[in-house]
N, C-alpha and C. Protein backbone atom coordinates (compact mmCIF):
# COMPACT_ATOMS: atom_id res chain seq x y z
N MET A 1 -101.32 -183.45 -35.63
CA MET A 1 -100.71 -182.84 -34.41
C MET A 1 -101.91 -182.17 -33.64
N GLU A 2 -101.62 -182.24 -32.41
CA GLU A 2 -102.68 -182.00 -31.41
C GLU A 2 -102.62 -180.41 -31.37
N TYR A 3 -103.96 -179.77 -31.00
CA TYR A 3 -104.01 -178.50 -30.76
C TYR A 3 -103.07 -177.95 -29.71
N MET A 4 -102.35 -176.76 -30.15
CA MET A 4 -101.55 -176.20 -29.14
C MET A 4 -102.03 -174.84 -28.68
N ASP A 5 -102.71 -174.87 -27.53
CA ASP A 5 -103.40 -173.88 -26.99
C ASP A 5 -102.69 -172.56 -26.69
N GLY A 6 -101.43 -172.36 -26.62
CA GLY A 6 -100.53 -171.43 -26.33
C GLY A 6 -100.26 -170.46 -27.65
N GLY A 7 -100.53 -171.14 -28.72
CA GLY A 7 -100.12 -170.43 -29.92
C GLY A 7 -98.69 -170.62 -30.41
N THR A 8 -98.47 -169.64 -31.10
CA THR A 8 -96.88 -169.56 -31.61
C THR A 8 -96.02 -168.78 -30.69
N LEU A 9 -94.65 -169.04 -30.63
CA LEU A 9 -93.72 -168.30 -30.09
C LEU A 9 -93.93 -166.89 -30.41
N SER A 10 -93.93 -166.37 -31.82
CA SER A 10 -94.17 -165.32 -32.22
C SER A 10 -95.28 -164.51 -31.60
N ASP A 11 -96.55 -165.19 -31.47
CA ASP A 11 -97.68 -164.53 -30.88
C ASP A 11 -97.54 -164.32 -29.44
N VAL A 12 -96.89 -165.25 -28.73
CA VAL A 12 -96.34 -164.91 -27.24
C VAL A 12 -95.60 -163.68 -26.91
N ILE A 13 -94.41 -163.64 -27.72
CA ILE A 13 -93.45 -162.55 -27.42
C ILE A 13 -93.89 -161.24 -27.98
N SER A 14 -94.79 -161.25 -28.79
CA SER A 14 -95.45 -159.87 -29.00
C SER A 14 -96.53 -159.41 -28.20
N LYS A 15 -97.21 -160.46 -27.52
CA LYS A 15 -98.24 -159.90 -26.52
C LYS A 15 -97.71 -159.79 -25.09
N SER A 16 -96.56 -160.63 -24.53
CA SER A 16 -96.28 -160.54 -23.35
C SER A 16 -94.75 -160.65 -22.99
N TYR A 17 -94.42 -160.56 -21.89
CA TYR A 17 -93.06 -160.80 -21.70
C TYR A 17 -92.58 -162.28 -21.16
N LEU A 18 -91.77 -162.71 -21.59
CA LEU A 18 -91.29 -164.04 -21.13
C LEU A 18 -90.00 -163.86 -20.17
N SER A 19 -90.17 -164.54 -19.14
CA SER A 19 -88.85 -164.48 -18.12
C SER A 19 -87.70 -165.32 -18.82
N GLU A 20 -86.65 -165.15 -18.19
CA GLU A 20 -85.20 -165.80 -18.64
C GLU A 20 -85.33 -167.37 -18.45
N GLU A 21 -86.22 -167.92 -17.46
CA GLU A 21 -86.47 -169.26 -17.11
C GLU A 21 -87.29 -169.75 -18.24
N GLU A 22 -88.36 -168.97 -18.75
CA GLU A 22 -89.48 -169.63 -19.61
C GLU A 22 -88.64 -169.66 -20.92
N MET A 23 -87.92 -168.62 -21.46
CA MET A 23 -87.02 -168.57 -22.53
C MET A 23 -86.11 -169.83 -22.68
N ALA A 24 -85.48 -170.09 -21.43
CA ALA A 24 -84.58 -171.28 -21.35
C ALA A 24 -85.21 -172.46 -21.70
N ALA A 25 -86.31 -172.51 -21.11
CA ALA A 25 -87.21 -173.82 -21.09
C ALA A 25 -87.70 -174.23 -22.73
N ILE A 26 -88.19 -173.00 -23.22
CA ILE A 26 -88.57 -172.93 -24.60
C ILE A 26 -87.33 -173.54 -25.50
N SER A 27 -86.10 -172.89 -25.25
CA SER A 27 -84.84 -173.05 -26.15
C SER A 27 -84.61 -174.54 -25.91
N ARG A 28 -84.49 -174.96 -24.43
CA ARG A 28 -84.10 -176.56 -24.34
C ARG A 28 -84.97 -177.29 -25.07
N GLU A 29 -86.29 -177.23 -25.13
CA GLU A 29 -87.38 -178.14 -25.85
C GLU A 29 -87.12 -177.97 -27.37
N CYS A 30 -86.85 -176.96 -27.72
CA CYS A 30 -86.50 -176.71 -29.36
C CYS A 30 -85.43 -177.54 -29.76
N LEU A 31 -84.02 -177.35 -28.80
CA LEU A 31 -82.89 -177.92 -29.13
C LEU A 31 -83.02 -179.41 -28.85
N GLN A 32 -83.97 -179.96 -27.94
CA GLN A 32 -84.15 -181.40 -27.84
C GLN A 32 -84.96 -182.08 -29.18
N GLY A 33 -85.81 -181.28 -29.60
CA GLY A 33 -86.34 -181.49 -30.91
C GLY A 33 -85.56 -181.61 -32.08
N LEU A 34 -84.81 -180.47 -32.25
CA LEU A 34 -83.82 -180.65 -33.37
C LEU A 34 -82.80 -181.69 -33.12
N ASP A 35 -82.27 -181.97 -31.81
CA ASP A 35 -81.42 -183.03 -31.68
C ASP A 35 -82.17 -184.40 -32.41
N PHE A 36 -83.41 -184.64 -31.90
CA PHE A 36 -84.12 -185.85 -32.38
C PHE A 36 -84.05 -185.75 -33.89
N LEU A 37 -84.44 -184.72 -34.58
CA LEU A 37 -84.59 -184.59 -35.94
C LEU A 37 -83.45 -185.07 -36.53
N HIS A 38 -82.23 -184.32 -36.07
CA HIS A 38 -80.97 -184.63 -36.79
C HIS A 38 -80.42 -186.10 -36.39
N SER A 39 -80.84 -186.70 -35.45
CA SER A 39 -80.41 -187.96 -35.02
C SER A 39 -80.94 -189.05 -36.32
N ASN A 40 -82.29 -188.33 -36.72
CA ASN A 40 -82.83 -189.12 -37.68
C ASN A 40 -82.71 -188.64 -39.14
N HIS A 41 -81.49 -188.01 -39.17
CA HIS A 41 -81.08 -187.47 -40.60
C HIS A 41 -82.27 -186.60 -41.07
N VAL A 42 -82.81 -185.72 -40.33
CA VAL A 42 -83.66 -184.80 -41.04
C VAL A 42 -83.35 -183.32 -40.53
N ILE A 43 -83.51 -182.52 -41.51
CA ILE A 43 -83.09 -181.01 -41.26
C ILE A 43 -84.36 -180.26 -41.39
N HIS A 44 -84.65 -179.40 -40.43
CA HIS A 44 -85.94 -178.76 -40.48
C HIS A 44 -85.89 -177.81 -41.54
N GLY A 45 -84.94 -176.80 -41.50
CA GLY A 45 -84.78 -176.05 -42.73
C GLY A 45 -85.52 -174.68 -42.46
N ASP A 46 -86.48 -174.26 -41.44
CA ASP A 46 -87.15 -173.30 -41.38
C ASP A 46 -87.49 -172.92 -39.85
N VAL A 47 -86.46 -173.12 -39.05
CA VAL A 47 -86.82 -172.71 -37.70
C VAL A 47 -86.84 -171.35 -37.30
N LYS A 48 -87.98 -170.82 -36.84
CA LYS A 48 -88.23 -169.53 -36.51
C LYS A 48 -89.47 -169.43 -35.55
N SER A 49 -89.59 -168.27 -34.80
CA SER A 49 -90.43 -168.17 -33.94
C SER A 49 -91.97 -168.44 -34.12
N SER A 50 -92.30 -168.36 -35.30
CA SER A 50 -93.70 -168.55 -35.96
C SER A 50 -93.75 -170.08 -36.18
N ASN A 51 -92.74 -170.84 -36.02
CA ASN A 51 -92.85 -172.22 -36.42
C ASN A 51 -92.49 -173.07 -35.13
N ILE A 52 -92.66 -172.38 -33.96
CA ILE A 52 -92.50 -172.95 -32.59
C ILE A 52 -93.88 -172.81 -31.89
N LEU A 53 -94.58 -173.88 -31.64
CA LEU A 53 -95.86 -174.07 -31.01
C LEU A 53 -95.84 -174.13 -29.65
N LEU A 54 -96.54 -173.62 -28.79
CA LEU A 54 -96.48 -173.68 -27.15
C LEU A 54 -97.79 -174.19 -26.85
N ARG A 55 -97.75 -174.95 -25.78
CA ARG A 55 -99.27 -175.30 -24.91
C ARG A 55 -99.05 -174.61 -23.64
N THR A 56 -100.15 -174.38 -22.88
CA THR A 56 -100.08 -173.72 -21.61
C THR A 56 -99.63 -174.68 -20.41
N ASP A 57 -99.32 -175.80 -20.92
CA ASP A 57 -98.81 -176.81 -19.87
C ASP A 57 -97.32 -176.94 -19.90
N GLY A 58 -96.79 -176.12 -20.97
CA GLY A 58 -95.24 -175.93 -21.02
C GLY A 58 -94.73 -176.78 -22.17
N SER A 59 -95.45 -177.54 -22.83
CA SER A 59 -95.08 -178.17 -23.97
C SER A 59 -94.66 -177.34 -25.29
N VAL A 60 -93.71 -177.74 -25.94
CA VAL A 60 -93.29 -176.96 -27.15
C VAL A 60 -93.15 -178.05 -28.22
N LYS A 61 -93.56 -177.67 -29.36
CA LYS A 61 -93.34 -178.47 -30.60
C LYS A 61 -92.80 -177.56 -31.91
N LEU A 62 -91.93 -178.22 -32.68
CA LEU A 62 -91.66 -177.53 -33.89
C LEU A 62 -92.61 -177.82 -34.83
N ALA A 63 -92.97 -176.89 -35.76
CA ALA A 63 -94.02 -177.07 -36.98
C ALA A 63 -93.49 -176.61 -38.21
N ASP A 64 -94.24 -176.97 -39.29
CA ASP A 64 -94.02 -176.41 -40.49
C ASP A 64 -92.77 -176.97 -41.18
N PHE A 65 -93.04 -178.43 -41.59
CA PHE A 65 -91.65 -179.04 -42.09
C PHE A 65 -91.59 -179.15 -43.57
N GLY A 66 -92.29 -177.81 -44.05
CA GLY A 66 -92.56 -177.58 -45.68
C GLY A 66 -90.98 -177.63 -46.40
N LEU A 67 -90.08 -176.83 -45.74
CA LEU A 67 -88.73 -176.98 -46.04
C LEU A 67 -87.61 -177.94 -45.55
N SER A 68 -88.27 -178.91 -44.96
CA SER A 68 -87.37 -179.86 -44.35
C SER A 68 -86.70 -180.81 -45.32
N THR A 69 -85.38 -181.34 -45.20
CA THR A 69 -84.64 -182.31 -46.06
C THR A 69 -84.39 -183.38 -45.23
N GLN A 70 -84.16 -184.52 -46.07
CA GLN A 70 -83.47 -185.83 -45.65
C GLN A 70 -82.10 -186.04 -45.90
N VAL A 71 -81.31 -186.12 -44.94
CA VAL A 71 -79.80 -186.49 -45.27
C VAL A 71 -79.78 -187.87 -45.22
N THR A 72 -79.14 -188.61 -46.47
CA THR A 72 -78.88 -189.96 -46.57
C THR A 72 -77.79 -190.19 -46.03
N PRO A 73 -77.43 -191.27 -44.80
CA PRO A 73 -76.28 -191.58 -44.36
C PRO A 73 -75.14 -191.95 -45.31
N GLU A 74 -75.79 -192.77 -46.26
CA GLU A 74 -74.75 -193.37 -47.36
C GLU A 74 -74.10 -192.50 -48.16
N LYS A 75 -74.79 -191.48 -48.74
CA LYS A 75 -74.22 -190.29 -49.47
C LYS A 75 -73.92 -189.16 -48.88
N ASN A 76 -74.48 -189.07 -47.63
CA ASN A 76 -74.29 -187.70 -47.12
C ASN A 76 -74.79 -186.39 -47.81
N THR A 77 -75.80 -186.63 -48.59
CA THR A 77 -76.29 -185.59 -49.42
C THR A 77 -77.77 -185.17 -48.93
N ARG A 78 -78.38 -184.38 -49.48
CA ARG A 78 -79.59 -183.75 -48.93
C ARG A 78 -80.65 -184.27 -50.11
N SER A 79 -81.79 -184.64 -49.91
CA SER A 79 -82.92 -184.87 -50.80
C SER A 79 -84.17 -184.15 -50.14
N LEU A 80 -84.82 -183.56 -51.05
CA LEU A 80 -86.00 -182.85 -50.64
C LEU A 80 -87.32 -183.74 -50.08
N LEU A 81 -87.72 -183.50 -48.86
CA LEU A 81 -88.93 -184.29 -48.41
C LEU A 81 -90.20 -183.84 -48.93
N ALA A 82 -90.55 -182.53 -48.64
CA ALA A 82 -91.66 -181.84 -49.07
C ALA A 82 -91.70 -180.56 -49.20
N GLY A 83 -92.64 -179.76 -49.85
CA GLY A 83 -92.77 -178.39 -49.50
C GLY A 83 -92.02 -177.55 -50.84
N THR A 84 -92.21 -176.14 -50.62
CA THR A 84 -91.58 -175.34 -51.41
C THR A 84 -91.23 -174.05 -50.69
N ALA A 85 -90.57 -173.26 -51.40
CA ALA A 85 -89.97 -171.89 -50.50
C ALA A 85 -91.14 -171.13 -50.38
N TRP A 86 -92.35 -171.35 -51.37
CA TRP A 86 -93.33 -170.32 -51.45
C TRP A 86 -94.49 -171.05 -50.70
C-alpha cells in the first residue's frame, strides 16, 4: 500500500476540525470501499477511525484487514482470512 501522507482519521480529528463536507466525503469514500469489499464477499471486521487512512489529495483507504473474514457464496458462512483479535 502506498504512503498516505494525511495519516489516520483518528490523528486528523484529534488535531483539527473537519467540516461537514469533509466528513461527508470521507464517509462516502469509506462506504464505497465497504461496498466493494462486500460485493467480493469480504467483511472488514474492524472499521474505526484509526483504520481509515487519508491523503492530502483527498484519497481515503481502509486499512488493517487483520480481522477480515471471507463469506463463501455457496454456504453463506464466514471463514477467517487472517489475523487475530490481539
